[in-house]
Amino acid sequence: MIRCEDADFADFSLREGDIAVPVEIFRSVAAAEADLLVYPEFLPQAEAFLRLHGGDPFSQTAAAFWLDTLNGQMHDKGFDPSPDGAVLIREFSVGLPGSVRIETVLPGTVLVESDEECAHFVNATTHTLEPEDGHPCAVHIRDGVIAAYAAENDGENEDGVEIHVECAPQYRRCGYASSCAALLTQSLLARGKNVLYRCRAQNAASAGVAAKVGFVQTGLRLSFVYYRSNRL
């Protein structure tokens, strides 16, 4: 099935945006066929794609079809492809509190709701934590160090709230990322939210965190991401 992106949004992305996703392919685990979301100007190519690759839309040949189709036209619009070319994502969700394996939460994992609560600890992760009132983060404290955390992504869509996790390299394979993800997910579910999780298809460790917490895979998404390289 082909769906066209909103024309005004697509036009703005191509004229003014710094990032554009002219094509996304998604197939849920419950569906036999994939859905294509495309910018309107690529509708004829989407129809050709389904005729040629509808049976296996996530194959390397299928990805090459879109890269060959898009790269030249997007370059002419001032965009270059992401370093990965096509990004294959596994999508997960959990919607019932009883689905979370709460036994995954380890001692030392807590919810924090302000920067001040994190200020007493050394942050070993890459990103600065910015918990806000009503949007707490879950952190795992080990020997006075924030070893891992889970936090909400910006924005919320009709499907739910998406979370992400990070664990400092020296603390990996200890269950800390799963512990944080489980605690934050339980908190969000208690507030009536569905919780979503995404990771790159080749990231077995991240997919393992999702499975350990109790997420189930809902689909597979292939995105063709382009970044502004110059202003025309």
Protein backbone atom coordinates (compact mmCIF):
# COMPACT_ATOMS: atom_id res chain seq x y z
CA MET A 1 0.00 0.00 0.00
CA ILE A 2 1.28 3.46 -0.90
CA ARG A 3 0.55 6.58 1.15
CA CYS A 4 1.67 10.06 0.19
CA GLU A 5 3.23 12.33 2.79
CA ASP A 6 1.39 15.60 3.37
CA ALA A 7 2.30 17.77 0.38
CA ASP A 8 2.91 20.93 2.42
CA PHE A 9 5.17 19.07 4.84
CA ALA A 10 7.12 17.43 2.02
CA ASP A 11 7.52 20.76 0.23
CA PHE A 12 8.74 22.49 3.39
CA SER A 13 11.24 19.69 4.08
CA LEU A 14 12.71 19.96 0.60
CA ARG A 15 12.78 23.77 0.52
CA GLU A 16 13.63 24.72 4.10
CA GLY A 17 14.44 21.64 6.13
CA ASP A 18 17.81 20.25 7.16
CA ILE A 19 16.59 16.66 7.02
CA ALA A 20 14.24 14.88 4.64
CA VAL A 21 12.88 11.34 4.56
CA PRO A 22 11.35 11.02 1.09
CA VAL A 23 10.63 7.31 1.43
CA GLU A 24 9.86 4.98 4.34
CA ILE A 25 8.87 1.34 4.09
CA PHE A 26 7.07 -0.27 7.02
CA ARG A 27 5.64 -3.70 7.59
CA SER A 28 3.99 -4.74 10.82
CA VAL A 29 4.44 -8.28 12.08
CA ALA A 30 0.71 -8.83 11.57
CA ALA A 31 0.65 -7.67 7.94
CA ALA A 32 1.49 -9.59 4.79
CA GLU A 33 2.25 -6.46 2.76
CA ALA A 34 4.44 -3.45 3.39
CA ASP A 35 3.28 0.16 3.49
CA LEU A 36 5.20 2.87 1.66
CA LEU A 37 5.10 6.49 2.83
CA VAL A 38 6.53 8.71 0.09
CA TYR A 39 6.77 12.35 -0.82
CA PRO A 40 4.17 13.01 -3.55
CA GLU A 41 6.72 13.57 -6.30
CA PHE A 42 8.03 10.03 -5.83
CA LEU A 43 4.65 8.35 -6.22
CA PRO A 44 5.39 6.93 -9.73
CA GLN A 45 8.62 5.38 -8.47
CA ALA A 46 6.75 3.88 -5.50
CA GLU A 47 4.30 2.19 -7.85
CA ALA A 48 7.18 0.77 -9.89
CA PHE A 49 8.91 -0.36 -6.69
CA LEU A 50 5.92 -2.41 -5.57
CA ARG A 51 5.70 -4.10 -8.95
CA LEU A 52 9.39 -5.02 -8.85
CA HIS A 53 10.12 -5.56 -5.17
CA GLY A 54 6.78 -5.86 -3.37
CA GLY A 55 7.51 -9.47 -2.45
CA ASP A 56 10.73 -8.59 -0.59
CA PRO A 57 10.79 -4.84 0.12
CA PHE A 58 13.64 -5.05 2.65
CA SER A 59 16.17 -6.82 0.42
CA GLN A 60 19.45 -5.23 -0.63
CA THR A 61 18.15 -5.09 -4.19
CA ALA A 62 15.05 -3.24 -3.03
CA ALA A 63 17.15 -0.75 -1.07
CA ALA A 64 19.40 -0.23 -4.10
CA PHE A 65 16.33 0.62 -6.19
CA TRP A 66 15.51 3.54 -3.92
CA LEU A 67 19.08 4.73 -3.49
CA ASP A 68 19.57 4.77 -7.25
CA THR A 69 16.23 6.57 -7.64
CA LEU A 70 16.66 9.12 -4.88
CA ASN A 71 20.33 10.05 -4.66
CA GLY A 72 20.56 12.08 -7.84
CA GLN A 73 17.27 13.90 -7.40
CA MET A 74 17.89 14.65 -3.74
CA HIS A 75 21.40 15.92 -4.52
CA ASP A 76 19.88 18.31 -7.04
CA LYS A 77 17.67 19.62 -4.22
CA GLY A 78 20.68 20.19 -1.94
CA PHE A 79 20.67 16.94 0.05
CA ASP A 80 23.13 14.09 0.54
CA PRO A 81 22.18 10.63 1.84
CA SER A 82 22.91 9.63 5.41
CA PRO A 83 26.20 7.71 5.79
CA ASP A 84 24.23 4.48 6.15
CA GLY A 85 22.18 5.08 3.01
CA ALA A 86 19.14 3.12 4.12
CA VAL A 87 18.46 2.66 7.84
CA LEU A 88 16.68 -0.56 8.83
CA ILE A 89 14.89 -0.25 12.19
CA ARG A 90 13.19 -2.84 14.41
CA GLU A 91 10.18 -1.41 16.25
CA PHE A 92 8.84 -2.68 19.58
CA SER A 93 6.00 -1.76 21.92
CA VAL A 94 4.44 -2.64 25.24
CA GLY A 95 1.02 -1.49 26.38
CA LEU A 96 0.10 -3.38 29.55
CA PRO A 97 1.75 -2.92 32.96
CA GLY A 98 1.79 -6.67 33.51
CA SER A 99 3.91 -7.11 30.39
CA VAL A 100 6.97 -5.46 31.94
CA ARG A 101 9.40 -7.84 33.61
CA ILE A 102 9.72 -5.72 36.72
CA GLU A 103 12.18 -8.24 38.22
CA THR A 104 14.63 -6.80 35.69
CA VAL A 105 14.90 -3.63 37.81
CA LEU A 106 18.10 -3.77 39.87
CA PRO A 107 18.92 -2.08 43.17
CA GLY A 108 20.45 1.28 42.40
CA THR A 109 18.00 2.10 39.59
CA VAL A 110 15.82 5.09 40.40
CA LEU A 111 13.56 7.65 38.74
CA VAL A 112 14.83 11.24 38.72
CA GLU A 113 12.76 14.29 37.83
CA SER A 114 15.25 17.16 37.91
CA ASP A 115 18.82 18.04 36.99
CA GLU A 116 19.55 18.65 40.64
CA GLU A 117 18.94 15.00 41.47
CA CYS A 118 21.66 14.04 38.98
CA ALA A 119 24.15 16.74 39.97
CA HIS A 120 25.57 14.69 42.87
CA PHE A 121 26.79 11.95 40.55
CA VAL A 122 29.39 11.62 37.83
CA ASN A 123 27.68 10.94 34.51
CA ALA A 124 29.59 8.21 32.63
CA THR A 125 27.16 8.22 29.70
CA THR A 126 27.66 10.34 26.59
CA HIS A 127 24.61 12.56 26.86
CA THR A 128 23.59 15.06 29.51
CA LEU A 129 20.44 14.04 31.32
CA GLU A 130 17.63 16.59 31.27
CA PRO A 131 14.73 15.19 33.29
CA GLU A 132 11.70 17.46 33.49
CA ASP A 133 8.67 17.58 35.74
CA GLY A 134 6.29 14.94 34.43
CA HIS A 135 9.00 13.41 32.22
CA PRO A 136 11.40 11.60 34.55
CA CYS A 137 14.44 9.60 33.53
CA ALA A 138 15.45 6.28 35.03
CA VAL A 139 19.12 6.08 36.01
CA HIS A 140 21.29 3.36 37.43
CA ILE A 141 23.80 4.55 40.03
CA ARG A 142 26.92 2.44 40.51
CA ASP A 143 29.60 3.61 42.97
CA GLY A 144 28.40 7.19 42.70
CA VAL A 145 28.38 7.10 38.90
CA ILE A 146 25.42 7.25 36.49
CA ALA A 147 26.24 4.08 34.60
CA ALA A 148 23.09 3.92 32.45
CA TYR A 149 19.83 5.71 31.87
CA ALA A 150 16.50 5.50 30.04
CA ALA A 151 14.59 8.58 28.90
CA GLU A 152 11.67 9.63 26.74
CA ASN A 153 12.31 10.81 23.21
CA ASP A 154 11.03 14.25 22.30
CA GLY A 155 7.38 14.32 21.29
CA GLU A 156 4.60 11.80 21.52
CA ASN A 157 2.58 10.37 18.66
CA GLU A 158 -0.75 8.60 18.52
CA ASP A 159 0.94 5.24 19.05
CA GLY A 160 2.60 6.15 22.33
CA VAL A 161 5.78 7.44 23.97
CA GLU A 162 9.13 6.30 22.60
CA ILE A 163 12.05 5.75 24.95
CA HIS A 164 15.77 5.29 24.42
CA VAL A 165 18.55 3.91 26.62
CA GLU A 166 22.27 4.43 26.97
CA CYS A 167 24.86 2.56 29.01
CA ALA A 168 28.47 3.64 29.48
CA PRO A 169 30.81 1.14 27.76
CA GLN A 170 32.56 0.08 30.99
CA TYR A 171 29.22 -0.88 32.55
CA ARG A 172 27.70 -2.88 29.72
CA ARG A 173 26.53 -6.50 29.98
CA CYS A 174 25.54 -5.96 33.63
CA GLY A 175 21.80 -5.48 33.07
CA TYR A 176 21.82 -1.77 33.87
CA ALA A 177 20.28 -0.59 30.59
CA SER A 178 17.48 -3.15 30.91
CA SER A 179 16.94 -2.12 34.52
CA CYS A 180 16.50 1.53 33.56
CA ALA A 181 14.26 0.71 30.60
CA ALA A 182 12.03 -1.50 32.75
CA LEU A 183 11.61 1.09 35.52
CA LEU A 184 10.84 3.95 33.13
CA THR A 185 8.47 1.80 31.08
CA GLN A 186 6.60 0.72 34.20
CA SER A 187 6.25 4.38 35.23
CA LEU A 188 4.91 5.42 31.81
CA LEU A 189 2.46 2.52 31.68
CA ALA A 190 1.17 3.46 35.12
CA ARG A 191 0.33 6.88 33.64
CA GLY A 192 -1.71 5.23 30.90
CA LYS A 193 0.88 5.51 28.12
CA ASN A 194 1.80 2.96 25.50
CA VAL A 195 5.57 2.67 25.30
CA LEU A 196 7.59 2.29 22.11
CA TYR A 197 11.20 1.31 21.49
CA ARG A 198 13.27 1.33 18.32
CA CYS A 199 16.74 0.11 17.43
CA ARG A 200 18.76 -0.55 14.33
CA ALA A 201 18.19 -4.02 13.00
CA GLN A 202 21.84 -4.98 13.39
CA ASN A 203 22.01 -3.81 17.03
CA ALA A 204 21.51 -7.13 18.77
CA ALA A 205 22.37 -5.70 22.19
CA SER A 206 19.66 -3.05 22.00
CA ALA A 207 17.10 -5.56 20.73
CA GLY A 208 18.11 -7.77 23.65
CA VAL A 209 17.28 -4.94 26.09
CA ALA A 210 13.81 -4.65 24.57
CA ALA A 211 13.17 -8.39 24.81
CA LYS A 212 14.48 -8.61 28.38
CA VAL A 213 12.14 -5.83 29.54
CA GLY A 214 9.08 -7.38 27.89
CA PHE A 215 8.70 -5.45 24.65
CA VAL A 216 7.44 -7.32 21.61
CA GLN A 217 8.45 -6.52 18.06
CA THR A 218 5.66 -4.83 16.13
CA GLY A 219 7.32 -4.19 12.80
CA LEU A 220 10.27 -3.39 10.60
CA ARG A 221 10.96 0.02 9.04
CA LEU A 222 13.39 1.01 6.29
CA SER A 223 14.03 4.77 6.11
CA PHE A 224 15.91 6.69 3.44
CA VAL A 225 17.29 9.71 5.27
CA TYR A 226 18.86 12.74 3.60
CA TYR A 227 20.63 15.72 5.16
CA ARG A 228 20.96 19.22 3.81
CA SER A 229 24.39 19.63 2.24
CA ASN A 230 24.02 23.06 0.71
CA ARG A 231 21.49 25.83 0.28
CA LEU A 232 20.46 26.24 -3.33
